[in-house]
């Protein structure tokens, strides 16, 4: 009886020790694990739940089953025509073969470093093999609008608006693309998958989040935009100068017409006034010719005598009104 109790106690102690050493482990939703024994993989667990292992000798390495993200650094890459652009990529990936992943990269951090090398190299290669238009555009829809016309809401005359619109038209025809940005991303994805498969990694996609022109290319684009705007501005200035000349000519013609009509009217008024004055003079002369003659003589003296410096003789008919004695 004593031996039986001793054996049960020993068994209980061993069970407690085993339980303390942890023979169980839990795989949660969204997790998967690799079980190794002395560094050798003995099991791959992809289903969640309570699992068992040998204490001490077995090691459980857990990995996420969910989709993970990779965010690359924006890198300066030359296109096929040697135009530099900054490409900012991102990617989604997941672990499809935990055993291969454990053997090759072991940790998520190492996997990110491997993805840095693979994706950066793949993206650089694909971008440098294609032209700038292929990288920045996804379709040829821009060529459906070949001419950009400025709004002319301030021009009243329809004919003038059409003329000005012709002057300010801007041709925006671009080269047609064969692949486009989306297809380039697919090429990058296909090329990168060839390298990531050996690490137990499956790439879901590669997305170019942003493409930014380099400083020299940005300056070139701005210069072209400024040139186009200057051409349109010069068209407006030319139109303005034409309108100015037109209105100045119209104003000058109206001015001449007004002055001509005013002159004709003034001449008519002066003629009528002269006629009335002549009639008044004639009526006054007829009423008293002698007095009228005397008044005209005095009026003549008033105008001429102040300017006479010296009079040699007054024995003239002109001075009769002053010196003639009746």
Protein backbone atom coordinates (compact mmCIF):
# COMPACT_ATOMS: atom_id res chain seq x y z
CA UNK A 1 0.00 0.00 0.00
CA UNK A 2 2.85 2.31 0.89
CA UNK A 3 4.54 1.59 -2.43
CA UNK A 4 1.35 2.44 -4.36
CA UNK A 5 1.01 5.78 -2.60
CA UNK A 6 4.66 6.58 -3.30
CA UNK A 7 4.20 5.76 -7.00
CA UNK A 8 1.10 7.93 -7.24
CA UNK A 9 2.92 10.81 -5.60
CA UNK A 10 5.80 10.47 -8.01
CA UNK A 11 3.41 10.40 -10.98
CA UNK A 12 1.58 13.45 -9.66
CA UNK A 13 4.84 15.33 -9.20
CA UNK A 14 5.92 14.43 -12.72
CA UNK A 15 2.59 15.60 -14.12
CA UNK A 16 2.87 18.87 -12.25
CA UNK A 17 6.41 19.39 -13.58
CA UNK A 18 5.27 18.61 -17.12
CA UNK A 19 2.36 21.02 -16.80
CA UNK A 20 4.66 23.70 -15.43
CA UNK A 21 7.03 23.20 -18.37
CA UNK A 22 4.10 23.95 -20.73
CA UNK A 23 3.08 21.06 -22.99
CA UNK A 24 0.27 23.11 -24.49
CA UNK A 25 0.19 26.16 -26.74
CA UNK A 26 -2.60 28.10 -28.41
CA UNK A 27 -2.88 29.09 -32.07
CA UNK A 28 -5.30 32.00 -32.38
CA UNK A 29 -7.31 33.17 -35.36
CA UNK A 30 -5.00 34.79 -37.92
CA UNK A 31 -1.95 32.84 -36.70
CA UNK A 32 0.08 29.91 -37.96
CA UNK A 33 3.12 28.25 -36.44
CA UNK A 34 6.24 26.19 -37.09
CA UNK A 35 7.20 23.61 -34.44
CA UNK A 36 10.89 22.76 -34.27
CA UNK A 37 12.79 20.18 -32.25
CA UNK A 38 16.46 20.80 -31.80
CA UNK A 39 16.33 23.26 -34.72
CA UNK A 40 14.57 20.84 -37.08
CA UNK A 41 11.03 21.48 -38.28
CA UNK A 42 8.74 18.69 -37.14
CA UNK A 43 5.33 20.27 -37.71
CA UNK A 44 3.55 23.19 -39.40
CA UNK A 45 0.31 24.30 -37.74
CA UNK A 46 -2.15 26.37 -39.75
CA UNK A 47 -5.37 25.66 -37.84
CA UNK A 48 -6.25 27.59 -34.69
CA UNK A 49 -6.94 25.91 -31.34
CA UNK A 50 -5.17 24.28 -28.38
CA UNK A 51 -2.12 22.26 -29.46
CA UNK A 52 0.42 20.03 -27.73
CA UNK A 53 4.19 19.86 -27.84
CA UNK A 54 7.02 18.24 -25.98
CA UNK A 55 8.16 20.53 -23.20
CA UNK A 56 11.67 21.92 -23.32
CA UNK A 57 12.69 20.19 -26.57
CA UNK A 58 9.98 21.62 -28.85
CA UNK A 59 9.94 25.29 -29.86
CA UNK A 60 6.89 27.01 -31.39
CA UNK A 61 7.45 29.97 -33.75
CA UNK A 62 4.26 31.82 -34.60
CA UNK A 63 3.66 33.88 -37.73
CA UNK A 64 0.66 35.99 -38.80
CA UNK A 65 -1.64 34.46 -41.35
CA UNK A 66 -3.16 37.83 -42.23
CA UNK A 67 -2.09 40.12 -45.06
CA UNK A 68 0.85 42.33 -44.15
CA UNK A 69 1.99 45.59 -45.69
CA UNK A 70 5.32 46.75 -47.04
CA UNK A 71 5.96 50.47 -47.44
CA UNK A 72 8.98 51.38 -49.48
CA UNK A 73 10.99 54.55 -49.40
CA UNK A 74 10.51 56.99 -52.26
CA UNK A 75 13.48 56.48 -54.56
CA UNK A 76 14.83 58.61 -57.40
CA UNK A 77 14.71 56.56 -60.60
CA UNK A 78 15.62 57.51 -64.20
CA UNK A 79 13.11 56.66 -66.93
CA UNK A 80 14.05 55.34 -70.35
CA UNK A 81 14.54 58.88 -71.70
CA UNK A 82 16.71 59.64 -68.64
CA UNK A 83 14.10 61.80 -66.87
CA UNK A 84 14.35 61.41 -63.10
CA UNK A 85 11.23 60.82 -61.01
CA UNK A 86 10.58 59.88 -57.38
CA UNK A 87 8.57 56.66 -57.04
CA UNK A 88 6.79 55.94 -53.74
CA UNK A 89 5.57 52.30 -53.72
CA UNK A 90 3.65 50.05 -51.33
CA UNK A 91 2.82 46.36 -51.37
CA UNK A 92 0.73 43.74 -49.54
CA UNK A 93 2.04 40.27 -48.81
CA UNK A 94 1.37 37.17 -46.73
CA UNK A 95 3.16 34.05 -45.58
CA UNK A 96 1.94 31.04 -47.55
CA UNK A 97 4.66 28.54 -46.60
CA UNK A 98 5.60 28.93 -42.91
CA UNK A 99 8.26 26.19 -43.09
CA UNK A 100 10.08 27.79 -46.01
CA UNK A 101 9.66 31.20 -44.42
CA UNK A 102 11.26 29.91 -41.18
CA UNK A 103 14.17 28.31 -43.02
CA UNK A 104 14.97 31.33 -45.20
CA UNK A 105 14.17 34.55 -43.34
CA UNK A 106 12.95 33.32 -39.92
CA UNK A 107 11.48 36.64 -38.74
CA UNK A 108 9.10 39.32 -40.04
CA UNK A 109 11.83 41.94 -39.71
CA UNK A 110 14.18 39.90 -41.92
CA UNK A 111 11.36 39.38 -44.40
CA UNK A 112 10.86 43.15 -44.62
CA UNK A 113 14.57 43.58 -45.37
CA UNK A 114 14.40 40.96 -48.12
CA UNK A 115 11.34 42.65 -49.56
CA UNK A 116 13.21 45.96 -49.51
CA UNK A 117 15.91 44.47 -51.70
CA UNK A 118 13.59 42.61 -54.06
CA UNK A 119 10.90 45.23 -54.55
CA UNK A 120 13.21 48.24 -54.75
CA UNK A 121 15.32 46.48 -57.38
CA UNK A 122 12.28 45.28 -59.34
CA UNK A 123 10.59 48.70 -59.32
CA UNK A 124 13.80 50.45 -60.38
CA UNK A 125 14.32 47.99 -63.23
CA UNK A 126 10.77 48.26 -64.60
CA UNK A 127 10.62 52.07 -64.37
CA UNK A 128 14.03 52.56 -66.00
CA UNK A 129 12.98 50.33 -68.93
CA UNK A 130 9.92 52.46 -69.76
CA UNK A 131 9.24 56.04 -70.79
CA UNK A 132 7.97 58.73 -68.44
CA UNK A 133 4.45 58.71 -69.92
CA UNK A 134 4.11 55.00 -69.22
CA UNK A 135 4.93 55.56 -65.54
CA UNK A 136 2.69 58.56 -64.84
CA UNK A 137 -0.37 57.76 -66.97
CA UNK A 138 -2.81 54.86 -66.91
CA UNK A 139 -4.76 55.51 -70.13
CA UNK A 140 -4.97 57.60 -73.31
CA UNK A 141 -8.13 59.46 -72.26
CA UNK A 142 -6.21 62.72 -72.20
CA UNK A 143 -5.90 62.53 -76.00
CA UNK A 144 -9.68 62.57 -76.38
CA UNK A 145 -9.43 66.28 -75.61
CA UNK A 146 -6.85 67.54 -78.08
CA UNK A 147 -7.47 71.26 -77.63
CA UNK A 148 -7.98 73.25 -74.44
CA UNK A 149 -10.04 76.41 -74.96
CA UNK A 150 -10.15 79.33 -72.55
CA UNK A 151 -13.45 80.58 -71.18
CA UNK A 152 -14.51 83.88 -72.76
CA UNK A 153 -17.42 84.95 -70.61
CA UNK A 154 -16.40 88.65 -70.78
CA UNK A 155 -16.70 88.93 -74.59
CA UNK A 156 -20.16 89.97 -75.72
CA UNK A 157 -19.81 89.67 -79.47
CA UNK A 158 -20.05 86.05 -80.62
CA UNK A 159 -17.77 86.57 -83.64
CA UNK A 160 -15.11 88.27 -81.52
CA UNK A 161 -15.38 85.49 -78.94
CA UNK A 162 -14.72 82.88 -81.63
CA UNK A 163 -11.72 84.82 -82.95
CA UNK A 164 -10.26 85.16 -79.47
CA UNK A 165 -10.94 81.49 -78.73
CA UNK A 166 -8.95 80.54 -81.83
CA UNK A 167 -6.05 82.66 -80.59
CA UNK A 168 -6.04 81.07 -77.13
CA UNK A 169 -6.41 77.43 -78.14
CA UNK A 170 -3.73 75.21 -76.59
CA UNK A 171 -2.82 71.92 -78.23
CA UNK A 172 -2.48 69.22 -75.56
CA UNK A 173 -1.96 66.16 -77.75
CA UNK A 174 0.16 63.62 -75.86
CA UNK A 175 1.95 60.50 -77.00
CA UNK A 176 -0.13 57.34 -76.74
CA UNK A 177 0.98 54.91 -74.05
CA UNK A 178 1.22 51.17 -74.60
CA UNK A 179 1.34 49.88 -71.01
CA UNK A 180 0.48 52.57 -68.51
CA UNK A 181 1.03 52.86 -64.79
CA UNK A 182 -1.29 50.01 -63.81
CA UNK A 183 0.27 47.53 -66.23
CA UNK A 184 3.74 48.52 -65.07
CA UNK A 185 2.65 47.67 -61.52
CA UNK A 186 1.49 44.27 -62.77
CA UNK A 187 4.86 43.68 -64.46
CA UNK A 188 6.62 44.63 -61.21
CA UNK A 189 4.40 42.20 -59.30
CA UNK A 190 5.03 39.34 -61.72
CA UNK A 191 8.81 39.86 -61.64
CA UNK A 192 8.94 40.20 -57.84
CA UNK A 193 6.87 37.05 -57.23
CA UNK A 194 9.60 34.98 -58.88
CA UNK A 195 11.95 35.96 -56.06
CA UNK A 196 9.58 36.04 -53.09
CA UNK A 197 8.21 32.52 -53.68
CA UNK A 198 11.48 31.00 -52.47
CA UNK A 199 10.93 32.65 -49.08
CA UNK A 200 7.40 31.30 -48.65
CA UNK A 201 6.00 34.77 -49.33
CA UNK A 202 3.14 35.56 -51.70
CA UNK A 203 2.82 39.14 -52.96
CA UNK A 204 -0.77 40.29 -53.27
CA UNK A 205 0.01 43.46 -55.20
CA UNK A 206 2.43 46.32 -55.81
CA UNK A 207 0.92 49.80 -55.92
CA UNK A 208 2.65 53.01 -56.91
CA UNK A 209 1.19 55.42 -54.36
CA UNK A 210 2.81 58.53 -55.77
CA UNK A 211 5.11 59.61 -58.56
CA UNK A 212 6.79 62.96 -58.09
CA UNK A 213 8.94 64.76 -60.60
CA UNK A 214 12.53 65.56 -59.66
CA UNK A 215 13.46 69.22 -59.25
CA UNK A 216 14.99 69.57 -62.72
CA UNK A 217 12.02 67.86 -64.39
CA UNK A 218 9.55 69.91 -62.34
CA UNK A 219 11.30 73.08 -63.47
CA UNK A 220 11.08 71.94 -67.09
CA UNK A 221 7.34 71.26 -66.72
CA UNK A 222 6.79 74.65 -65.08
CA UNK A 223 8.71 76.39 -67.86
CA UNK A 224 6.53 74.72 -70.48
CA UNK A 225 3.38 75.70 -68.58
CA UNK A 226 4.64 79.28 -68.24
CA UNK A 227 5.40 79.40 -71.96
CA UNK A 228 1.87 78.23 -72.80
CA UNK A 229 0.34 80.75 -70.39
CA UNK A 230 2.50 83.53 -71.87
CA UNK A 231 1.31 82.63 -75.37
CA UNK A 232 -2.30 82.85 -74.23
CA UNK A 233 -1.59 86.11 -72.39
CA UNK A 234 0.01 87.56 -75.52
CA UNK A 235 -3.07 86.53 -77.50
CA UNK A 236 -5.25 88.44 -75.04
CA UNK A 237 -2.92 91.44 -75.20
CA UNK A 238 -2.97 91.35 -79.01
CA UNK A 239 -6.76 91.16 -78.95
CA UNK A 240 -6.82 94.05 -76.46
CA UNK A 241 -4.57 96.20 -78.66
CA UNK A 242 -6.83 95.49 -81.61
CA UNK A 243 -9.91 96.41 -79.59
CA UNK A 244 -8.16 99.58 -78.39
CA UNK A 245 -7.30 100.64 -81.95
CA UNK A 246 -10.83 99.83 -83.06
CA UNK A 247 -12.43 101.92 -80.31
CA UNK A 248 -9.94 104.77 -80.74
CA UNK A 249 -10.76 104.90 -84.45
CA UNK A 250 -14.45 104.77 -83.73
CA UNK A 251 -14.11 107.50 -81.11
CA UNK A 252 -12.05 109.69 -83.46
CA UNK A 253 -14.65 109.33 -86.21
CA UNK A 254 -17.42 110.21 -83.77
CA UNK A 255 -15.38 113.21 -82.59
CA UNK A 256 -14.89 114.46 -86.15
CA UNK A 257 -18.60 113.99 -86.88
CA UNK A 258 -19.57 115.92 -83.75
CA UNK A 259 -17.10 118.74 -84.51
CA UNK A 260 -18.25 118.91 -88.13
CA UNK A 261 -21.88 119.14 -87.10
CA UNK A 262 -21.02 121.73 -84.44
CA UNK A 263 -19.04 123.81 -86.94
CA UNK A 264 -21.85 123.72 -89.45
CA UNK A 265 -24.33 124.71 -86.76
CA UNK A 266 -22.07 127.51 -85.50
CA UNK A 267 -21.61 128.86 -89.04
CA UNK A 268 -25.33 128.80 -89.51
CA UNK A 269 -25.87 130.69 -86.26
CA UNK A 270 -23.14 133.20 -87.16
CA UNK A 271 -24.71 133.74 -90.58
CA UNK A 272 -28.11 134.34 -89.06
CA UNK A 273 -26.59 136.71 -86.49
CA UNK A 274 -24.69 138.64 -89.19
CA UNK A 275 -27.88 138.96 -91.17
CA UNK A 276 -29.76 140.29 -88.14
CA UNK A 277 -26.88 142.69 -87.34
CA UNK A 278 -26.82 143.94 -90.93
CA UNK A 279 -30.56 144.47 -90.80
CA UNK A 280 -30.26 146.38 -87.52
CA UNK A 281 -27.47 148.56 -88.97
CA UNK A 282 -29.54 149.15 -92.08
CA UNK A 283 -32.61 150.09 -90.06
CA UNK A 284 -30.58 152.41 -87.85
CA UNK A 285 -28.93 154.09 -90.87
CA UNK A 286 -32.30 154.53 -92.53
CA UNK A 287 -33.77 156.13 -89.38
CA UNK A 288 -31.04 158.87 -89.10
CA UNK A 289 -28.26 158.62 -91.65
CA UNK A 290 -26.37 161.65 -90.32
CA UNK A 291 -26.34 160.45 -86.74
CA UNK A 292 -25.42 156.94 -87.85
CA UNK A 293 -22.46 158.28 -89.80
CA UNK A 294 -21.36 160.34 -86.80
CA UNK A 295 -21.62 157.31 -84.45
CA UNK A 296 -19.59 155.14 -86.80
CA UNK A 297 -16.90 157.82 -87.01
CA UNK A 298 -16.61 158.08 -83.23
CA UNK A 299 -16.39 154.31 -83.02
CA UNK A 300 -13.57 154.40 -85.57
CA UNK A 301 -11.74 157.08 -83.54
CA UNK A 302 -11.96 154.91 -80.46
CA UNK A 303 -10.24 152.08 -82.26
CA UNK A 304 -7.57 153.97 -84.22
CA UNK A 305 -6.51 157.07 -82.28
CA UNK A 306 -5.03 155.29 -79.23
CA UNK A 307 -2.48 153.66 -81.54
CA UNK A 308 -1.48 156.90 -83.32
CA UNK A 309 1.84 158.24 -82.01
CA UNK A 310 1.92 161.32 -84.18
CA UNK A 311 -0.56 163.10 -86.52
CA UNK A 312 1.05 165.41 -89.05
CA UNK A 313 -2.19 167.03 -90.23
CA UNK A 314 -5.83 167.07 -89.30
CA UNK A 315 -6.82 168.52 -92.65
CA UNK A 316 -8.56 165.35 -93.75
CA UNK A 317 -12.15 164.34 -94.15
CA UNK A 318 -11.54 161.61 -91.53
CA UNK A 319 -11.11 164.25 -88.83
CA UNK A 320 -14.09 166.36 -89.81
CA UNK A 321 -16.11 165.09 -86.85
CA UNK A 322 -13.44 166.52 -84.52
CA UNK A 323 -12.31 169.74 -86.22
CA UNK A 324 -14.99 170.72 -88.71
CA UNK A 325 -16.88 173.76 -87.56
CA UNK A 326 -20.33 174.25 -89.04
